[in-house]
Amino acid sequence: KIMDYLPGPHNKIFAEFDALKAFVAE
């Protein structure tokens, strides 16, 4: 909940999850 508002490298994981979701969706 707190980390959602903070900048940092942890935010890059969402792009990786989106790529994984796109692969599975296909």
mmCIF file of all heavy atoms, coordinates in Angstrom:
data_MODEL
# 
_entry.id   MODEL 
# 
loop_
_atom_site.group_PDB 
_atom_site.id 
_atom_site.type_symbol 
_atom_site.label_atom_id 
_atom_site.label_alt_id 
_atom_site.label_comp_id 
_atom_site.label_asym_id 
_atom_site.label_entity_id 
_atom_site.label_seq_id 
_atom_site.pdbx_PDB_ins_code 
_atom_site.Cartn_x 
_atom_site.Cartn_y 
_atom_site.Cartn_z 
_atom_site.occupancy 
_atom_site.B_iso_or_equiv 
_atom_site.pdbx_formal_charge 
_atom_site.auth_seq_id 
_atom_site.auth_comp_id 
_atom_site.auth_asym_id 
_atom_site.auth_atom_id 
_atom_site.pdbx_PDB_model_num 
ATOM 1   N N   . LYS A 1 1  ? 0.827  -1.215  0.000   1.00 0.00 ? 1  LYS A N   1 
ATOM 2   C CA  . LYS A 1 1  ? 0.000  0.000   0.000   1.00 0.00 ? 1  LYS A CA  1 
ATOM 3   C C   . LYS A 1 1  ? 0.864  1.269   0.000   1.00 0.00 ? 1  LYS A C   1 
ATOM 4   O O   . LYS A 1 1  ? 0.581  2.221   -0.698  1.00 0.00 ? 1  LYS A O   1 
ATOM 5   C CB  . LYS A 1 1  ? -0.941 0.018   1.212   1.00 0.00 ? 1  LYS A CB  1 
ATOM 6   C CG  . LYS A 1 1  ? -1.902 -1.151  1.262   1.00 0.00 ? 1  LYS A CG  1 
ATOM 7   C CD  . LYS A 1 1  ? -3.001 -1.008  0.246   1.00 0.00 ? 1  LYS A CD  1 
ATOM 8   C CE  . LYS A 1 1  ? -4.017 -2.108  0.464   1.00 0.00 ? 1  LYS A CE  1 
ATOM 9   N NZ  . LYS A 1 1  ? -4.592 -2.624  -0.714  1.00 0.00 ? 1  LYS A NZ  1 
ATOM 10  N N   . ILE A 1 2  ? 1.913  1.254   0.781   1.00 0.00 ? 2  ILE A N   1 
ATOM 11  C CA  . ILE A 1 2  ? 2.803  2.416   0.866   1.00 0.00 ? 2  ILE A CA  1 
ATOM 12  C C   . ILE A 1 2  ? 3.689  2.500   -0.370  1.00 0.00 ? 2  ILE A C   1 
ATOM 13  O O   . ILE A 1 2  ? 3.881  3.578   -0.938  1.00 0.00 ? 2  ILE A O   1 
ATOM 14  C CB  . ILE A 1 2  ? 3.680  2.325   2.142   1.00 0.00 ? 2  ILE A CB  1 
ATOM 15  C CG1 . ILE A 1 2  ? 2.797  2.375   3.383   1.00 0.00 ? 2  ILE A CG1 1 
ATOM 16  C CG2 . ILE A 1 2  ? 4.727  3.434   2.167   1.00 0.00 ? 2  ILE A CG2 1 
ATOM 17  C CD1 . ILE A 1 2  ? 3.524  2.004   4.664   1.00 0.00 ? 2  ILE A CD1 1 
ATOM 18  N N   . MET A 1 3  ? 4.230  1.359   -0.801  1.00 0.00 ? 3  MET A N   1 
ATOM 19  C CA  . MET A 1 3  ? 5.181  1.337   -1.911  1.00 0.00 ? 3  MET A CA  1 
ATOM 20  C C   . MET A 1 3  ? 4.550  1.778   -3.232  1.00 0.00 ? 3  MET A C   1 
ATOM 21  O O   . MET A 1 3  ? 5.258  2.234   -4.123  1.00 0.00 ? 3  MET A O   1 
ATOM 22  C CB  . MET A 1 3  ? 5.789  -0.062  -2.052  1.00 0.00 ? 3  MET A CB  1 
ATOM 23  C CG  . MET A 1 3  ? 6.612  -0.517  -0.860  1.00 0.00 ? 3  MET A CG  1 
ATOM 24  S SD  . MET A 1 3  ? 8.077  0.463   -0.567  1.00 0.00 ? 3  MET A SD  1 
ATOM 25  C CE  . MET A 1 3  ? 9.126  -0.138  -1.858  1.00 0.00 ? 3  MET A CE  1 
ATOM 26  N N   . ASP A 1 4  ? 3.222  1.650   -3.355  1.00 0.00 ? 4  ASP A N   1 
ATOM 27  C CA  . ASP A 1 4  ? 2.546  2.095   -4.573  1.00 0.00 ? 4  ASP A CA  1 
ATOM 28  C C   . ASP A 1 4  ? 2.766  3.581   -4.829  1.00 0.00 ? 4  ASP A C   1 
ATOM 29  O O   . ASP A 1 4  ? 2.730  4.033   -5.968  1.00 0.00 ? 4  ASP A O   1 
ATOM 30  C CB  . ASP A 1 4  ? 1.036  1.813   -4.490  1.00 0.00 ? 4  ASP A CB  1 
ATOM 31  C CG  . ASP A 1 4  ? 0.704  0.365   -4.773  1.00 0.00 ? 4  ASP A CG  1 
ATOM 32  O OD1 . ASP A 1 4  ? 1.538  -0.341  -5.375  1.00 0.00 ? 4  ASP A OD1 1 
ATOM 33  O OD2 . ASP A 1 4  ? -0.404 -0.066  -4.388  1.00 0.00 ? 4  ASP A OD2 1 
ATOM 34  N N   . TYR A 1 5  ? 2.999  4.330   -3.777  1.00 0.00 ? 5  TYR A N   1 
ATOM 35  C CA  . TYR A 1 5  ? 3.150  5.788   -3.896  1.00 0.00 ? 5  TYR A CA  1 
ATOM 36  C C   . TYR A 1 5  ? 4.610  6.230   -3.990  1.00 0.00 ? 5  TYR A C   1 
ATOM 37  O O   . TYR A 1 5  ? 4.877  7.407   -4.203  1.00 0.00 ? 5  TYR A O   1 
ATOM 38  C CB  . TYR A 1 5  ? 2.482  6.477   -2.701  1.00 0.00 ? 5  TYR A CB  1 
ATOM 39  C CG  . TYR A 1 5  ? 0.998  6.208   -2.651  1.00 0.00 ? 5  TYR A CG  1 
ATOM 40  C CD1 . TYR A 1 5  ? 0.473  5.279   -1.754  1.00 0.00 ? 5  TYR A CD1 1 
ATOM 41  C CD2 . TYR A 1 5  ? 0.122  6.848   -3.516  1.00 0.00 ? 5  TYR A CD2 1 
ATOM 42  C CE1 . TYR A 1 5  ? -0.887 5.007   -1.717  1.00 0.00 ? 5  TYR A CE1 1 
ATOM 43  C CE2 . TYR A 1 5  ? -1.235 6.583   -3.494  1.00 0.00 ? 5  TYR A CE2 1 
ATOM 44  C CZ  . TYR A 1 5  ? -1.738 5.663   -2.591  1.00 0.00 ? 5  TYR A CZ  1 
ATOM 45  O OH  . TYR A 1 5  ? -3.078 5.395   -2.565  1.00 0.00 ? 5  TYR A OH  1 
ATOM 46  N N   . LEU A 1 6  ? 5.537  5.300   -3.811  1.00 0.00 ? 6  LEU A N   1 
ATOM 47  C CA  . LEU A 1 6  ? 6.949  5.666   -3.815  1.00 0.00 ? 6  LEU A CA  1 
ATOM 48  C C   . LEU A 1 6  ? 7.608  5.313   -5.151  1.00 0.00 ? 6  LEU A C   1 
ATOM 49  O O   . LEU A 1 6  ? 7.325  4.260   -5.723  1.00 0.00 ? 6  LEU A O   1 
ATOM 50  C CB  . LEU A 1 6  ? 7.686  4.933   -2.687  1.00 0.00 ? 6  LEU A CB  1 
ATOM 51  C CG  . LEU A 1 6  ? 7.225  5.235   -1.267  1.00 0.00 ? 6  LEU A CG  1 
ATOM 52  C CD1 . LEU A 1 6  ? 7.977  4.364   -0.273  1.00 0.00 ? 6  LEU A CD1 1 
ATOM 53  C CD2 . LEU A 1 6  ? 7.420  6.712   -0.939  1.00 0.00 ? 6  LEU A CD2 1 
ATOM 54  N N   . PRO A 1 7  ? 8.482  6.192   -5.637  1.00 0.00 ? 7  PRO A N   1 
ATOM 55  C CA  . PRO A 1 7  ? 9.227  5.841   -6.846  1.00 0.00 ? 7  PRO A CA  1 
ATOM 56  C C   . PRO A 1 7  ? 10.312 4.827   -6.507  1.00 0.00 ? 7  PRO A C   1 
ATOM 57  O O   . PRO A 1 7  ? 10.697 4.682   -5.352  1.00 0.00 ? 7  PRO A O   1 
ATOM 58  C CB  . PRO A 1 7  ? 9.843  7.183   -7.265  1.00 0.00 ? 7  PRO A CB  1 
ATOM 59  C CG  . PRO A 1 7  ? 9.975  7.945   -5.992  1.00 0.00 ? 7  PRO A CG  1 
ATOM 60  C CD  . PRO A 1 7  ? 8.820  7.510   -5.127  1.00 0.00 ? 7  PRO A CD  1 
ATOM 61  N N   . GLY A 1 8  ? 10.770 4.131   -7.515  1.00 0.00 ? 8  GLY A N   1 
ATOM 62  C CA  . GLY A 1 8  ? 11.854 3.175   -7.300  1.00 0.00 ? 8  GLY A CA  1 
ATOM 63  C C   . GLY A 1 8  ? 11.801 2.056   -8.309  1.00 0.00 ? 8  GLY A C   1 
ATOM 64  O O   . GLY A 1 8  ? 10.838 1.927   -9.074  1.00 0.00 ? 8  GLY A O   1 
ATOM 65  N N   . PRO A 1 9  ? 12.822 1.218   -8.303  1.00 0.00 ? 9  PRO A N   1 
ATOM 66  C CA  . PRO A 1 9  ? 12.897 0.131   -9.289  1.00 0.00 ? 9  PRO A CA  1 
ATOM 67  C C   . PRO A 1 9  ? 11.798 -0.921  -9.133  1.00 0.00 ? 9  PRO A C   1 
ATOM 68  O O   . PRO A 1 9  ? 11.536 -1.682  -10.059 1.00 0.00 ? 9  PRO A O   1 
ATOM 69  C CB  . PRO A 1 9  ? 14.274 -0.477  -9.052  1.00 0.00 ? 9  PRO A CB  1 
ATOM 70  C CG  . PRO A 1 9  ? 14.698 -0.024  -7.713  1.00 0.00 ? 9  PRO A CG  1 
ATOM 71  C CD  . PRO A 1 9  ? 13.983 1.253   -7.435  1.00 0.00 ? 9  PRO A CD  1 
ATOM 72  N N   . HIS A 1 10 ? 11.136 -0.932  -7.975  1.00 0.00 ? 10 HIS A N   1 
ATOM 73  C CA  . HIS A 1 10 ? 10.066 -1.910  -7.773  1.00 0.00 ? 10 HIS A CA  1 
ATOM 74  C C   . HIS A 1 10 ? 8.908  -1.688  -8.753  1.00 0.00 ? 10 HIS A C   1 
ATOM 75  O O   . HIS A 1 10 ? 8.152  -2.603  -9.043  1.00 0.00 ? 10 HIS A O   1 
ATOM 76  C CB  . HIS A 1 10 ? 9.556  -1.869  -6.332  1.00 0.00 ? 10 HIS A CB  1 
ATOM 77  C CG  . HIS A 1 10 ? 8.931  -0.578  -5.946  1.00 0.00 ? 10 HIS A CG  1 
ATOM 78  N ND1 . HIS A 1 10 ? 9.678  0.544   -5.665  1.00 0.00 ? 10 HIS A ND1 1 
ATOM 79  C CD2 . HIS A 1 10 ? 7.631  -0.206  -5.802  1.00 0.00 ? 10 HIS A CD2 1 
ATOM 80  C CE1 . HIS A 1 10 ? 8.871  1.542   -5.367  1.00 0.00 ? 10 HIS A CE1 1 
ATOM 81  N NE2 . HIS A 1 10 ? 7.619  1.116   -5.434  1.00 0.00 ? 10 HIS A NE2 1 
ATOM 82  N N   . ASN A 1 11 ? 8.773  -0.495  -9.284  1.00 0.00 ? 11 ASN A N   1 
ATOM 83  C CA  . ASN A 1 11 ? 7.685  -0.198  -10.221 1.00 0.00 ? 11 ASN A CA  1 
ATOM 84  C C   . ASN A 1 11 ? 7.877  -0.854  -11.594 1.00 0.00 ? 11 ASN A C   1 
ATOM 85  O O   . ASN A 1 11 ? 6.922  -1.000  -12.341 1.00 0.00 ? 11 ASN A O   1 
ATOM 86  C CB  . ASN A 1 11 ? 7.517  1.315   -10.372 1.00 0.00 ? 11 ASN A CB  1 
ATOM 87  C CG  . ASN A 1 11 ? 6.960  1.940   -9.109  1.00 0.00 ? 11 ASN A CG  1 
ATOM 88  O OD1 . ASN A 1 11 ? 5.995  1.450   -8.545  1.00 0.00 ? 11 ASN A OD1 1 
ATOM 89  N ND2 . ASN A 1 11 ? 7.588  2.998   -8.646  1.00 0.00 ? 11 ASN A ND2 1 
ATOM 90  N N   . LYS A 1 12 ? 9.097  -1.265  -11.914 1.00 0.00 ? 12 LYS A N   1 
ATOM 91  C CA  . LYS A 1 12 ? 9.372  -1.907  -13.201 1.00 0.00 ? 12 LYS A CA  1 
ATOM 92  C C   . LYS A 1 12 ? 8.711  -3.285  -13.296 1.00 0.00 ? 12 LYS A C   1 
ATOM 93  O O   . LYS A 1 12 ? 8.481  -3.790  -14.382 1.00 0.00 ? 12 LYS A O   1 
ATOM 94  C CB  . LYS A 1 12 ? 10.872 -2.049  -13.425 1.00 0.00 ? 12 LYS A CB  1 
ATOM 95  C CG  . LYS A 1 12 ? 11.575 -0.723  -13.598 1.00 0.00 ? 12 LYS A CG  1 
ATOM 96  C CD  . LYS A 1 12 ? 13.067 -0.929  -13.761 1.00 0.00 ? 12 LYS A CD  1 
ATOM 97  C CE  . LYS A 1 12 ? 13.773 0.406   -13.807 1.00 0.00 ? 12 LYS A CE  1 
ATOM 98  N NZ  . LYS A 1 12 ? 15.221 0.255   -13.752 1.00 0.00 ? 12 LYS A NZ  1 
ATOM 99  N N   . ILE A 1 13 ? 8.426  -3.868  -12.151 1.00 0.00 ? 13 ILE A N   1 
ATOM 100 C CA  . ILE A 1 13 ? 7.848  -5.220  -12.165 1.00 0.00 ? 13 ILE A CA  1 
ATOM 101 C C   . ILE A 1 13 ? 6.478  -5.236  -12.833 1.00 0.00 ? 13 ILE A C   1 
ATOM 102 O O   . ILE A 1 13 ? 6.084  -6.233  -13.425 1.00 0.00 ? 13 ILE A O   1 
ATOM 103 C CB  . ILE A 1 13 ? 7.788  -5.820  -10.742 1.00 0.00 ? 13 ILE A CB  1 
ATOM 104 C CG1 . ILE A 1 13 ? 7.591  -7.334  -10.835 1.00 0.00 ? 13 ILE A CG1 1 
ATOM 105 C CG2 . ILE A 1 13 ? 6.694  -5.183  -9.908  1.00 0.00 ? 13 ILE A CG2 1 
ATOM 106 C CD1 . ILE A 1 13 ? 7.850  -8.070  -9.556  1.00 0.00 ? 13 ILE A CD1 1 
ATOM 107 N N   . PHE A 1 14 ? 5.768  -4.105  -12.780 1.00 0.00 ? 14 PHE A N   1 
ATOM 108 C CA  . PHE A 1 14 ? 4.436  -4.078  -13.383 1.00 0.00 ? 14 PHE A CA  1 
ATOM 109 C C   . PHE A 1 14 ? 4.502  -4.246  -14.891 1.00 0.00 ? 14 PHE A C   1 
ATOM 110 O O   . PHE A 1 14 ? 3.644  -4.888  -15.487 1.00 0.00 ? 14 PHE A O   1 
ATOM 111 C CB  . PHE A 1 14 ? 3.692  -2.802  -12.981 1.00 0.00 ? 14 PHE A CB  1 
ATOM 112 C CG  . PHE A 1 14 ? 3.510  -2.696  -11.494 1.00 0.00 ? 14 PHE A CG  1 
ATOM 113 C CD1 . PHE A 1 14 ? 4.116  -1.685  -10.771 1.00 0.00 ? 14 PHE A CD1 1 
ATOM 114 C CD2 . PHE A 1 14 ? 2.761  -3.636  -10.802 1.00 0.00 ? 14 PHE A CD2 1 
ATOM 115 C CE1 . PHE A 1 14 ? 3.972  -1.602  -9.392  1.00 0.00 ? 14 PHE A CE1 1 
ATOM 116 C CE2 . PHE A 1 14 ? 2.606  -3.574  -9.430  1.00 0.00 ? 14 PHE A CE2 1 
ATOM 117 C CZ  . PHE A 1 14 ? 3.217  -2.548  -8.718  1.00 0.00 ? 14 PHE A CZ  1 
ATOM 118 N N   . ALA A 1 15 ? 5.519  -3.684  -15.522 1.00 0.00 ? 15 ALA A N   1 
ATOM 119 C CA  . ALA A 1 15 ? 5.703  -3.859  -16.969 1.00 0.00 ? 15 ALA A CA  1 
ATOM 120 C C   . ALA A 1 15 ? 6.006  -5.322  -17.276 1.00 0.00 ? 15 ALA A C   1 
ATOM 121 O O   . ALA A 1 15 ? 5.519  -5.869  -18.274 1.00 0.00 ? 15 ALA A O   1 
ATOM 122 C CB  . ALA A 1 15 ? 6.827  -2.964  -17.475 1.00 0.00 ? 15 ALA A CB  1 
ATOM 123 N N   . GLU A 1 16 ? 6.778  -5.969  -16.409 1.00 0.00 ? 16 GLU A N   1 
ATOM 124 C CA  . GLU A 1 16 ? 7.085  -7.393  -16.606 1.00 0.00 ? 16 GLU A CA  1 
ATOM 125 C C   . GLU A 1 16 ? 5.818  -8.243  -16.449 1.00 0.00 ? 16 GLU A C   1 
ATOM 126 O O   . GLU A 1 16 ? 5.589  -9.177  -17.211 1.00 0.00 ? 16 GLU A O   1 
ATOM 127 C CB  . GLU A 1 16 ? 8.178  -7.853  -15.629 1.00 0.00 ? 16 GLU A CB  1 
ATOM 128 C CG  . GLU A 1 16 ? 9.517  -7.210  -15.835 1.00 0.00 ? 16 GLU A CG  1 
ATOM 129 C CD  . GLU A 1 16 ? 10.198 -7.605  -17.136 1.00 0.00 ? 16 GLU A CD  1 
ATOM 130 O OE1 . GLU A 1 16 ? 9.849  -8.648  -17.733 1.00 0.00 ? 16 GLU A OE1 1 
ATOM 131 O OE2 . GLU A 1 16 ? 11.100 -6.859  -17.561 1.00 0.00 ? 16 GLU A OE2 1 
ATOM 132 N N   . PHE A 1 17 ? 5.004  -7.919  -15.449 1.00 0.00 ? 17 PHE A N   1 
ATOM 133 C CA  . PHE A 1 17 ? 3.744  -8.644  -15.268 1.00 0.00 ? 17 PHE A CA  1 
ATOM 134 C C   . PHE A 1 17 ? 2.817  -8.431  -16.463 1.00 0.00 ? 17 PHE A C   1 
ATOM 135 O O   . PHE A 1 17 ? 2.130  -9.362  -16.901 1.00 0.00 ? 17 PHE A O   1 
ATOM 136 C CB  . PHE A 1 17 ? 3.040  -8.232  -13.975 1.00 0.00 ? 17 PHE A CB  1 
ATOM 137 C CG  . PHE A 1 17 ? 3.530  -8.943  -12.747 1.00 0.00 ? 17 PHE A CG  1 
ATOM 138 C CD1 . PHE A 1 17 ? 3.929  -8.228  -11.636 1.00 0.00 ? 17 PHE A CD1 1 
ATOM 139 C CD2 . PHE A 1 17 ? 3.590  -10.324 -12.695 1.00 0.00 ? 17 PHE A CD2 1 
ATOM 140 C CE1 . PHE A 1 17 ? 4.386  -8.879  -10.501 1.00 0.00 ? 17 PHE A CE1 1 
ATOM 141 C CE2 . PHE A 1 17 ? 4.047  -10.982 -11.572 1.00 0.00 ? 17 PHE A CE2 1 
ATOM 142 C CZ  . PHE A 1 17 ? 4.450  -10.257 -10.468 1.00 0.00 ? 17 PHE A CZ  1 
ATOM 143 N N   . ASP A 1 18 ? 2.789  -7.213  -17.005 1.00 0.00 ? 18 ASP A N   1 
ATOM 144 C CA  . ASP A 1 18 ? 1.953  -6.935  -18.173 1.00 0.00 ? 18 ASP A CA  1 
ATOM 145 C C   . ASP A 1 18 ? 2.399  -7.761  -19.371 1.00 0.00 ? 18 ASP A C   1 
ATOM 146 O O   . ASP A 1 18 ? 1.571  -8.287  -20.121 1.00 0.00 ? 18 ASP A O   1 
ATOM 147 C CB  . ASP A 1 18 ? 1.979  -5.437  -18.515 1.00 0.00 ? 18 ASP A CB  1 
ATOM 148 C CG  . ASP A 1 18 ? 1.210  -4.603  -17.507 1.00 0.00 ? 18 ASP A CG  1 
ATOM 149 O OD1 . ASP A 1 18 ? 0.405  -5.177  -16.735 1.00 0.00 ? 18 ASP A OD1 1 
ATOM 150 O OD2 . ASP A 1 18 ? 1.419  -3.366  -17.485 1.00 0.00 ? 18 ASP A OD2 1 
ATOM 151 N N   . ALA A 1 19 ? 3.709  -7.895  -19.560 1.00 0.00 ? 19 ALA A N   1 
ATOM 152 C CA  . ALA A 1 19 ? 4.234  -8.711  -20.664 1.00 0.00 ? 19 ALA A CA  1 
ATOM 153 C C   . ALA A 1 19 ? 3.855  -10.182 -20.471 1.00 0.00 ? 19 ALA A C   1 
ATOM 154 O O   . ALA A 1 19 ? 3.467  -10.866 -21.425 1.00 0.00 ? 19 ALA A O   1 
ATOM 155 C CB  . ALA A 1 19 ? 5.744  -8.555  -20.762 1.00 0.00 ? 19 ALA A CB  1 
ATOM 156 N N   . LEU A 1 20 ? 3.932  -10.662 -19.236 1.00 0.00 ? 20 LEU A N   1 
ATOM 157 C CA  . LEU A 1 20 ? 3.550  -12.048 -18.939 1.00 0.00 ? 20 LEU A CA  1 
ATOM 158 C C   . LEU A 1 20 ? 2.056  -12.254 -19.186 1.00 0.00 ? 20 LEU A C   1 
ATOM 159 O O   . LEU A 1 20 ? 1.647  -13.255 -19.788 1.00 0.00 ? 20 LEU A O   1 
ATOM 160 C CB  . LEU A 1 20 ? 3.918  -12.396 -17.496 1.00 0.00 ? 20 LEU A CB  1 
ATOM 161 C CG  . LEU A 1 20 ? 3.579  -13.799 -17.025 1.00 0.00 ? 20 LEU A CG  1 
ATOM 162 C CD1 . LEU A 1 20 ? 4.276  -14.853 -17.872 1.00 0.00 ? 20 LEU A CD1 1 
ATOM 163 C CD2 . LEU A 1 20 ? 3.966  -13.957 -15.556 1.00 0.00 ? 20 LEU A CD2 1 
ATOM 164 N N   . LYS A 1 21 ? 1.242  -11.300 -18.738 1.00 0.00 ? 21 LYS A N   1 
ATOM 165 C CA  . LYS A 1 21 ? -0.212 -11.394 -18.967 1.00 0.00 ? 21 LYS A CA  1 
ATOM 166 C C   . LYS A 1 21 ? -0.534 -11.408 -20.454 1.00 0.00 ? 21 LYS A C   1 
ATOM 167 O O   . LYS A 1 21 ? -1.415 -12.147 -20.892 1.00 0.00 ? 21 LYS A O   1 
ATOM 168 C CB  . LYS A 1 21 ? -0.933 -10.220 -18.301 1.00 0.00 ? 21 LYS A CB  1 
ATOM 169 C CG  . LYS A 1 21 ? -1.032 -10.317 -16.804 1.00 0.00 ? 21 LYS A CG  1 
ATOM 170 C CD  . LYS A 1 21 ? -1.806 -9.109  -16.282 1.00 0.00 ? 21 LYS A CD  1 
ATOM 171 C CE  . LYS A 1 21 ? -1.456 -8.783  -14.871 1.00 0.00 ? 21 LYS A CE  1 
ATOM 172 N NZ  . LYS A 1 21 ? -2.066 -7.543  -14.409 1.00 0.00 ? 21 LYS A NZ  1 
ATOM 173 N N   . ALA A 1 22 ? 0.168  -10.605 -21.238 1.00 0.00 ? 22 ALA A N   1 
ATOM 174 C CA  . ALA A 1 22 ? -0.066 -10.557 -22.681 1.00 0.00 ? 22 ALA A CA  1 
ATOM 175 C C   . ALA A 1 22 ? 0.274  -11.900 -23.328 1.00 0.00 ? 22 ALA A C   1 
ATOM 176 O O   . ALA A 1 22 ? -0.470 -12.387 -24.194 1.00 0.00 ? 22 ALA A O   1 
ATOM 177 C CB  . ALA A 1 22 ? 0.759  -9.436  -23.319 1.00 0.00 ? 22 ALA A CB  1 
ATOM 178 N N   . PHE A 1 23 ? 1.359  -12.518 -22.895 1.00 0.00 ? 23 PHE A N   1 
ATOM 179 C CA  . PHE A 1 23 ? 1.750  -13.825 -23.430 1.00 0.00 ? 23 PHE A CA  1 
ATOM 180 C C   . PHE A 1 23 ? 0.679  -14.866 -23.124 1.00 0.00 ? 23 PHE A C   1 
ATOM 181 O O   . PHE A 1 23 ? 0.238  -15.607 -24.008 1.00 0.00 ? 23 PHE A O   1 
ATOM 182 C CB  . PHE A 1 23 ? 3.096  -14.253 -22.825 1.00 0.00 ? 23 PHE A CB  1 
ATOM 183 C CG  . PHE A 1 23 ? 3.594  -15.569 -23.348 1.00 0.00 ? 23 PHE A CG  1 
ATOM 184 C CD1 . PHE A 1 23 ? 4.406  -15.615 -24.463 1.00 0.00 ? 23 PHE A CD1 1 
ATOM 185 C CD2 . PHE A 1 23 ? 3.250  -16.760 -22.724 1.00 0.00 ? 23 PHE A CD2 1 
ATOM 186 C CE1 . PHE A 1 23 ? 4.869  -16.833 -24.954 1.00 0.00 ? 23 PHE A CE1 1 
ATOM 187 C CE2 . PHE A 1 23 ? 3.697  -17.976 -23.200 1.00 0.00 ? 23 PHE A CE2 1 
ATOM 188 C CZ  . PHE A 1 23 ? 4.522  -18.015 -24.321 1.00 0.00 ? 23 PHE A CZ  1 
ATOM 189 N N   . VAL A 1 24 ? 0.244  -14.899 -21.869 1.00 0.00 ? 24 VAL A N   1 
ATOM 190 C CA  . VAL A 1 24 ? -0.767 -15.878 -21.456 1.00 0.00 ? 24 VAL A CA  1 
ATOM 191 C C   . VAL A 1 24 ? -2.102 -15.593 -22.152 1.00 0.00 ? 24 VAL A C   1 
ATOM 192 O O   . VAL A 1 24 ? -2.785 -16.515 -22.597 1.00 0.00 ? 24 VAL A O   1 
ATOM 193 C CB  . VAL A 1 24 ? -0.920 -15.907 -19.922 1.00 0.00 ? 24 VAL A CB  1 
ATOM 194 C CG1 . VAL A 1 24 ? -2.079 -16.788 -19.494 1.00 0.00 ? 24 VAL A CG1 1 
ATOM 195 C CG2 . VAL A 1 24 ? 0.376  -16.385 -19.268 1.00 0.00 ? 24 VAL A CG2 1 
ATOM 196 N N   . ALA A 1 25 ? -2.469 -14.321 -22.274 1.00 0.00 ? 25 ALA A N   1 
ATOM 197 C CA  . ALA A 1 25 ? -3.735 -13.959 -22.932 1.00 0.00 ? 25 ALA A CA  1 
ATOM 198 C C   . ALA A 1 25 ? -3.751 -14.431 -24.380 1.00 0.00 ? 25 ALA A C   1 
ATOM 199 O O   . ALA A 1 25 ? -4.777 -14.923 -24.867 1.00 0.00 ? 25 ALA A O   1 
ATOM 200 C CB  . ALA A 1 25 ? -3.947 -12.447 -22.864 1.00 0.00 ? 25 ALA A CB  1 
ATOM 201 N N   . GLU A 1 26 ? -2.623 -14.319 -25.054 1.00 0.00 ? 26 GLU A N   1 
ATOM 202 C CA  . GLU A 1 26 ? -2.535 -14.791 -26.437 1.00 0.00 ? 26 GLU A CA  1 
ATOM 203 C C   . GLU A 1 26 ? -2.746 -16.303 -26.508 1.00 0.00 ? 26 GLU A C   1 
ATOM 204 O O   . GLU A 1 26 ? -3.466 -16.810 -27.374 1.00 0.00 ? 26 GLU A O   1 
ATOM 205 C CB  . GLU A 1 26 ? -1.170 -14.416 -27.006 1.00 0.00 ? 26 GLU A CB  1 
ATOM 206 C CG  . GLU A 1 26 ? -0.997 -14.745 -28.468 1.00 0.00 ? 26 GLU A CG  1 
ATOM 207 C CD  . GLU A 1 26 ? 0.390  -14.362 -28.977 1.00 0.00 ? 26 GLU A CD  1 
ATOM 208 O OE1 . GLU A 1 26 ? 0.932  -13.338 -28.533 1.00 0.00 ? 26 GLU A OE1 1 
ATOM 209 O OE2 . GLU A 1 26 ? 0.904  -15.116 -29.828 1.00 0.00 ? 26 GLU A OE2 1 
# 
